[in-house]
């Protein structure tokens, strides 16, 4: 029995070591051929122009949608270098096992995918996406990354970017959004059609509750504040 446990531990250590070494080696090999990201804001502006969306604007302080987005999509956003080492190891293990699961992407990875990476899948694509995410993290501050992300992302109903979504759904500027409204908008990022509050309000409310729960889990809101936010009127247009 002891020998079995020892073999199991050695096997697991080998899997974890390979999960770290393989992606790092792949990133090192592909780094020289991965493009720079100095034009990221230019690409965001070009995208907004094609969608007739508002120009980039400074994030209001405090920005509730940004806080809700981080809590839900990338809770370690401010402490990671564009990729999340914990998620990266999990993704490496998944690749070695052939499960196809690659783990949650950081906000930098999501932005990199939107701006630079074709929509195909595969290990090489994920490595390129991770490299671009690290380059974004080096080149831009976290607030600049958030600003570009929230300017680019689609919220449904033709609303590209946070200013258009805030005014389109609720008739207010981003700085005027309540926690209820901000949580609903942050929840839309995952699947704008599935959580469309105008056509699928019940699903949108379930998603809003999840976002509020994440805000509690990440100590942005108390349980009482989250409950009050969920009970507050949404004011959908």
Protein backbone atom coordinates (compact mmCIF):
# COMPACT_ATOMS: atom_id res chain seq x y z
CA UNK A 1 0.00 0.00 0.00
CA UNK A 2 2.82 2.38 0.90
CA UNK A 3 4.58 1.59 -2.39
CA UNK A 4 1.38 2.29 -4.31
CA UNK A 5 1.00 5.68 -2.62
CA UNK A 6 4.66 6.47 -3.30
CA UNK A 7 4.29 5.62 -6.99
CA UNK A 8 1.12 7.71 -7.19
CA UNK A 9 2.89 10.72 -5.63
CA UNK A 10 5.83 10.37 -8.01
CA UNK A 11 3.49 10.13 -10.97
CA UNK A 12 1.55 13.22 -9.91
CA UNK A 13 4.78 15.18 -9.35
CA UNK A 14 5.88 14.19 -12.83
CA UNK A 15 2.59 15.34 -14.32
CA UNK A 16 2.75 18.70 -12.50
CA UNK A 17 6.40 19.24 -13.51
CA UNK A 18 5.57 18.49 -17.14
CA UNK A 19 2.54 20.79 -16.95
CA UNK A 20 4.87 23.63 -15.98
CA UNK A 21 7.82 22.83 -18.23
CA UNK A 22 5.92 22.17 -21.47
CA UNK A 23 4.04 25.50 -21.65
CA UNK A 24 7.10 27.48 -20.52
CA UNK A 25 9.27 25.83 -23.17
CA UNK A 26 6.64 26.46 -25.82
CA UNK A 27 6.36 30.13 -24.83
CA UNK A 28 10.14 30.55 -24.95
CA UNK A 29 10.25 29.04 -28.43
CA UNK A 30 7.42 31.17 -29.81
CA UNK A 31 8.24 34.45 -28.04
CA UNK A 32 10.45 35.93 -30.82
CA UNK A 33 7.78 35.45 -33.49
CA UNK A 34 4.86 36.79 -31.42
CA UNK A 35 3.98 40.38 -32.40
CA UNK A 36 4.30 43.36 -30.12
CA UNK A 37 1.25 44.96 -28.51
CA UNK A 38 2.09 48.65 -28.73
CA UNK A 39 -0.84 49.15 -31.12
CA UNK A 40 -3.47 47.63 -28.81
CA UNK A 41 -5.27 50.91 -28.12
CA UNK A 42 -5.19 51.74 -31.83
CA UNK A 43 -6.84 48.40 -32.59
CA UNK A 44 -9.52 49.03 -29.96
CA UNK A 45 -10.25 52.45 -31.46
CA UNK A 46 -10.46 50.96 -34.96
CA UNK A 47 -12.89 48.32 -33.70
CA UNK A 48 -15.07 50.97 -32.04
CA UNK A 49 -15.09 52.99 -35.25
CA UNK A 50 -16.39 50.04 -37.27
CA UNK A 51 -19.18 49.53 -34.74
CA UNK A 52 -20.01 53.24 -34.47
CA UNK A 53 -19.39 52.93 -30.73
CA UNK A 54 -18.20 55.71 -28.40
CA UNK A 55 -14.50 56.49 -28.15
CA UNK A 56 -12.36 55.19 -25.31
CA UNK A 57 -13.16 56.95 -22.06
CA UNK A 58 -11.45 56.95 -18.69
CA UNK A 59 -12.90 54.44 -16.24
CA UNK A 60 -14.97 56.14 -13.55
CA UNK A 61 -13.59 55.75 -10.06
CA UNK A 62 -14.69 53.56 -8.44
CA UNK A 63 -15.87 51.59 -11.43
CA UNK A 64 -18.40 49.01 -10.33
CA UNK A 65 -18.50 47.10 -13.61
CA UNK A 66 -14.71 46.68 -13.54
CA UNK A 67 -14.86 45.37 -9.96
CA UNK A 68 -17.69 42.98 -10.84
CA UNK A 69 -15.86 41.83 -13.96
CA UNK A 70 -12.66 41.09 -12.04
CA UNK A 71 -14.54 39.24 -9.30
CA UNK A 72 -16.28 37.04 -11.85
CA UNK A 73 -13.78 36.60 -14.68
CA UNK A 74 -10.31 37.05 -13.16
CA UNK A 75 -10.20 37.44 -9.38
CA UNK A 76 -6.37 37.45 -9.28
CA UNK A 77 -6.17 40.13 -11.99
CA UNK A 78 -4.08 42.62 -10.00
CA UNK A 79 -1.56 40.03 -8.81
CA UNK A 80 -0.83 38.06 -11.99
CA UNK A 81 1.53 38.92 -14.89
CA UNK A 82 -1.09 38.60 -17.62
CA UNK A 83 -1.46 34.85 -17.15
CA UNK A 84 -2.59 33.09 -14.01
CA UNK A 85 0.08 30.54 -12.95
CA UNK A 86 -2.48 28.41 -11.12
CA UNK A 87 -4.77 28.23 -14.14
CA UNK A 88 -1.76 27.70 -16.41
CA UNK A 89 -0.70 24.59 -14.47
CA UNK A 90 -4.26 23.25 -14.57
CA UNK A 91 -4.38 23.88 -18.32
CA UNK A 92 -1.03 22.12 -18.78
CA UNK A 93 -2.27 19.08 -16.88
CA UNK A 94 -5.45 19.07 -18.98
CA UNK A 95 -3.39 19.14 -22.19
CA UNK A 96 -1.21 16.26 -20.98
CA UNK A 97 -4.32 14.26 -20.13
CA UNK A 98 -5.90 15.13 -23.46
CA UNK A 99 -9.07 16.46 -21.84
CA UNK A 100 -9.22 19.53 -24.06
CA UNK A 101 -9.94 21.82 -21.10
CA UNK A 102 -7.62 24.85 -20.99
CA UNK A 103 -8.84 26.60 -17.87
CA UNK A 104 -10.09 30.13 -17.30
CA UNK A 105 -8.45 32.95 -19.25
CA UNK A 106 -7.27 36.16 -17.61
CA UNK A 107 -8.62 39.49 -18.81
CA UNK A 108 -5.32 40.09 -20.62
CA UNK A 109 -5.69 36.74 -22.39
CA UNK A 110 -9.25 37.57 -23.38
CA UNK A 111 -8.16 40.98 -24.69
CA UNK A 112 -5.23 39.42 -26.56
CA UNK A 113 -7.56 36.90 -28.18
CA UNK A 114 -9.96 39.64 -29.29
CA UNK A 115 -7.24 41.88 -30.71
CA UNK A 116 -4.61 39.53 -32.11
CA UNK A 117 -5.54 35.85 -32.16
CA UNK A 118 -7.65 34.07 -34.74
CA UNK A 119 -10.67 32.23 -33.39
CA UNK A 120 -9.17 28.79 -33.95
CA UNK A 121 -8.23 26.56 -31.02
CA UNK A 122 -5.27 24.38 -30.16
CA UNK A 123 -2.19 24.34 -27.97
CA UNK A 124 -0.10 26.64 -30.20
CA UNK A 125 -2.91 29.21 -30.30
CA UNK A 126 -3.22 29.15 -26.52
CA UNK A 127 0.53 29.61 -26.12
CA UNK A 128 0.47 32.60 -28.48
CA UNK A 129 -2.49 34.05 -26.59
CA UNK A 130 -0.61 33.66 -23.29
CA UNK A 131 2.50 35.37 -24.69
CA UNK A 132 0.48 38.30 -25.95
CA UNK A 133 -1.25 38.54 -22.55
CA UNK A 134 2.14 38.82 -20.82
CA UNK A 135 3.22 41.47 -23.32
CA UNK A 136 0.02 43.43 -22.66
CA UNK A 137 0.71 43.25 -18.93
CA UNK A 138 4.26 44.54 -19.43
CA UNK A 139 3.27 47.32 -21.82
CA UNK A 140 0.15 48.64 -20.10
CA UNK A 141 -1.03 49.27 -16.55
CA UNK A 142 -3.84 47.15 -15.15
CA UNK A 143 -6.25 50.10 -15.40
CA UNK A 144 -5.30 50.60 -19.06
CA UNK A 145 -5.99 46.92 -19.75
CA UNK A 146 -9.39 47.25 -18.06
CA UNK A 147 -10.13 50.40 -20.02
CA UNK A 148 -9.38 48.72 -23.35
CA UNK A 149 -11.23 45.54 -22.40
CA UNK A 150 -14.38 47.38 -21.34
CA UNK A 151 -14.23 49.54 -24.47
CA UNK A 152 -13.95 46.51 -26.78
CA UNK A 153 -16.21 43.88 -25.25
CA UNK A 154 -19.69 43.17 -26.63
CA UNK A 155 -22.72 43.40 -24.32
CA UNK A 156 -25.44 42.40 -26.75
CA UNK A 157 -28.06 44.36 -28.73
CA UNK A 158 -25.36 46.10 -30.76
CA UNK A 159 -23.79 47.63 -27.64
CA UNK A 160 -20.01 47.55 -27.96
CA UNK A 161 -18.17 48.88 -24.94
CA UNK A 162 -19.31 49.87 -21.47
CA UNK A 163 -20.55 53.42 -22.26
CA UNK A 164 -22.88 52.15 -24.99
CA UNK A 165 -24.14 49.28 -22.81
CA UNK A 166 -24.77 51.47 -19.75
CA UNK A 167 -26.78 53.97 -21.79
CA UNK A 168 -28.44 51.33 -23.96
CA UNK A 169 -29.73 49.13 -21.16
CA UNK A 170 -30.18 51.64 -18.35
CA UNK A 171 -30.00 55.15 -19.82
CA UNK A 172 -27.14 56.23 -17.56
CA UNK A 173 -23.38 56.84 -17.78
CA UNK A 174 -21.07 54.10 -16.42
CA UNK A 175 -20.30 56.14 -13.29
CA UNK A 176 -24.03 56.22 -12.42
CA UNK A 177 -24.61 52.45 -12.54
CA UNK A 178 -25.91 50.81 -9.37
CA UNK A 179 -24.41 47.55 -8.10
CA UNK A 180 -27.44 45.72 -9.49
CA UNK A 181 -26.94 47.23 -12.95
CA UNK A 182 -23.15 46.82 -12.89
CA UNK A 183 -23.44 43.16 -11.90
CA UNK A 184 -25.86 42.47 -14.70
CA UNK A 185 -23.57 44.11 -17.28
CA UNK A 186 -20.52 42.24 -16.00
CA UNK A 187 -22.46 39.00 -16.26
CA UNK A 188 -23.32 39.65 -19.90
CA UNK A 189 -19.67 39.41 -20.99
CA UNK A 190 -19.73 35.60 -20.78
CA UNK A 191 -22.73 35.13 -23.08
CA UNK A 192 -24.65 38.25 -24.18
CA UNK A 193 -27.41 36.30 -25.93
CA UNK A 194 -27.99 33.69 -23.23
CA UNK A 195 -28.13 36.29 -20.45
CA UNK A 196 -29.92 39.00 -22.46
CA UNK A 197 -32.00 40.84 -19.82
CA UNK A 198 -34.49 42.11 -22.39
CA UNK A 199 -35.37 38.65 -23.74
CA UNK A 200 -34.19 36.24 -21.02
CA UNK A 201 -34.63 38.16 -17.79
CA UNK A 202 -34.77 35.07 -15.55
CA UNK A 203 -31.42 33.81 -16.84
CA UNK A 204 -29.97 37.30 -16.59
CA UNK A 205 -31.08 37.53 -12.96
CA UNK A 206 -29.47 34.16 -12.14
CA UNK A 207 -26.25 35.42 -13.69
CA UNK A 208 -26.53 38.72 -11.80
CA UNK A 209 -26.86 36.78 -8.53
CA UNK A 210 -23.72 34.79 -9.40
CA UNK A 211 -21.76 37.99 -10.03
CA UNK A 212 -22.95 39.45 -6.72
CA UNK A 213 -21.93 36.24 -4.95
CA UNK A 214 -18.46 36.58 -6.47
CA UNK A 215 -18.27 40.17 -5.22
CA UNK A 216 -18.99 38.83 -1.75
CA UNK A 217 -16.42 36.04 -2.13
CA UNK A 218 -13.76 38.56 -3.14
CA UNK A 219 -14.68 40.89 -0.26
CA UNK A 220 -15.88 43.78 -2.41
CA UNK A 221 -19.40 43.61 -0.97
CA UNK A 222 -20.83 42.20 2.22
CA UNK A 223 -23.59 39.60 2.07
CA UNK A 224 -26.09 42.23 3.18
CA UNK A 225 -24.96 44.64 0.46
CA UNK A 226 -25.24 41.94 -2.19
CA UNK A 227 -28.72 40.98 -1.02
CA UNK A 228 -29.80 44.62 -1.10
CA UNK A 229 -28.33 45.05 -4.59
CA UNK A 230 -30.20 42.02 -5.90
CA UNK A 231 -33.45 43.36 -4.48
CA UNK A 232 -32.92 46.82 -5.98
CA UNK A 233 -34.81 47.80 -9.15
CA UNK A 234 -32.81 47.41 -12.35
CA UNK A 235 -34.36 50.24 -14.31
CA UNK A 236 -34.04 48.47 -17.66
CA UNK A 237 -35.08 50.65 -20.57
